[in-house]
Amino acid sequence: AITYTNSYYATPSVGISAQGMATGDYYSITSKSKTGFTIQFFNSSNSGISKTFDWSAVGYGLKS
């Protein structure tokens, strides 16, 4: 789970760049909100795996 340091005014767009992905690996982003998101990585057998990734969130406003 990723939690933003500062919440956005509206739900931002999220970009992911994963490292070391093998053929058939994939990820799922869920619970995307103004305060953060959850990401899970899976292999081709649909088993959860651990991966390193970079992310960016682009939105507007600051929730106060």
Protein backbone atom coordinates (compact mmCIF):
# COMPACT_ATOMS: atom_id res chain seq x y z
CA ALA A 1 0.00 0.00 0.00
CA ILE A 2 1.24 3.46 -0.94
CA THR A 3 0.05 6.45 1.08
CA TYR A 4 0.74 9.95 -0.24
CA THR A 5 2.50 12.36 2.08
CA ASN A 6 -0.13 14.98 1.20
CA SER A 7 -3.60 14.01 -0.01
CA TYR A 8 -4.79 15.29 -3.39
CA TYR A 9 -7.96 17.31 -3.91
CA ALA A 10 -9.10 14.78 -6.54
CA THR A 11 -7.96 11.22 -7.27
CA PRO A 12 -4.70 11.48 -9.28
CA SER A 13 -3.49 9.43 -12.23
CA VAL A 14 -0.92 6.82 -11.19
CA GLY A 15 1.99 5.58 -13.31
CA ILE A 16 4.02 2.46 -12.50
CA SER A 17 7.42 1.31 -13.74
CA ALA A 18 8.24 -2.18 -12.46
CA GLN A 19 11.74 -3.70 -12.43
CA GLY A 20 12.67 -7.29 -13.15
CA MET A 21 9.35 -8.39 -14.63
CA ALA A 22 9.40 -11.82 -16.27
CA THR A 23 7.20 -12.92 -19.16
CA GLY A 24 3.69 -13.36 -17.81
CA ASP A 25 4.19 -11.19 -14.70
CA TYR A 26 1.58 -8.49 -14.18
CA TYR A 27 0.29 -6.08 -11.57
CA SER A 28 -3.05 -4.83 -10.33
CA ILE A 29 -3.70 -1.37 -8.88
CA THR A 30 -6.69 -1.24 -6.53
CA SER A 31 -8.15 1.16 -4.00
CA LYS A 32 -6.92 4.21 -5.92
CA SER A 33 -7.99 7.32 -4.00
CA LYS A 34 -7.03 10.87 -3.02
CA THR A 35 -4.82 9.46 -0.25
CA GLY A 36 -3.01 6.57 -1.97
CA PHE A 37 -3.33 3.22 -3.75
CA THR A 38 -2.64 -0.48 -3.39
CA ILE A 39 -0.56 -2.45 -5.89
CA GLN A 40 -0.10 -6.22 -6.10
CA PHE A 41 2.25 -8.16 -8.40
CA PHE A 42 1.53 -11.64 -9.75
CA ASN A 43 3.35 -14.22 -11.88
CA SER A 44 1.88 -16.13 -14.83
CA SER A 45 0.42 -18.70 -12.39
CA ASN A 46 -1.53 -15.91 -10.61
CA SER A 47 0.58 -16.28 -7.46
CA GLY A 48 1.57 -13.14 -5.57
CA ILE A 49 5.21 -12.12 -6.01
CA SER A 50 7.45 -9.38 -4.68
CA LYS A 51 8.76 -6.75 -7.12
CA THR A 52 10.50 -3.41 -6.94
CA PHE A 53 8.75 -0.53 -8.68
CA ASP A 54 8.78 3.23 -9.15
CA TRP A 55 5.58 5.22 -9.16
CA SER A 56 4.36 8.72 -9.88
CA ALA A 57 1.05 10.34 -9.08
CA VAL A 58 -0.13 13.31 -11.12
CA GLY A 59 -3.09 15.30 -9.94
CA TYR A 60 -4.12 18.71 -8.76
CA GLY A 61 -4.85 20.46 -5.52
CA LEU A 62 -4.04 19.73 -1.95
CA LYS A 63 -6.67 18.40 0.39
CA SER A 64 -6.78 20.67 3.41
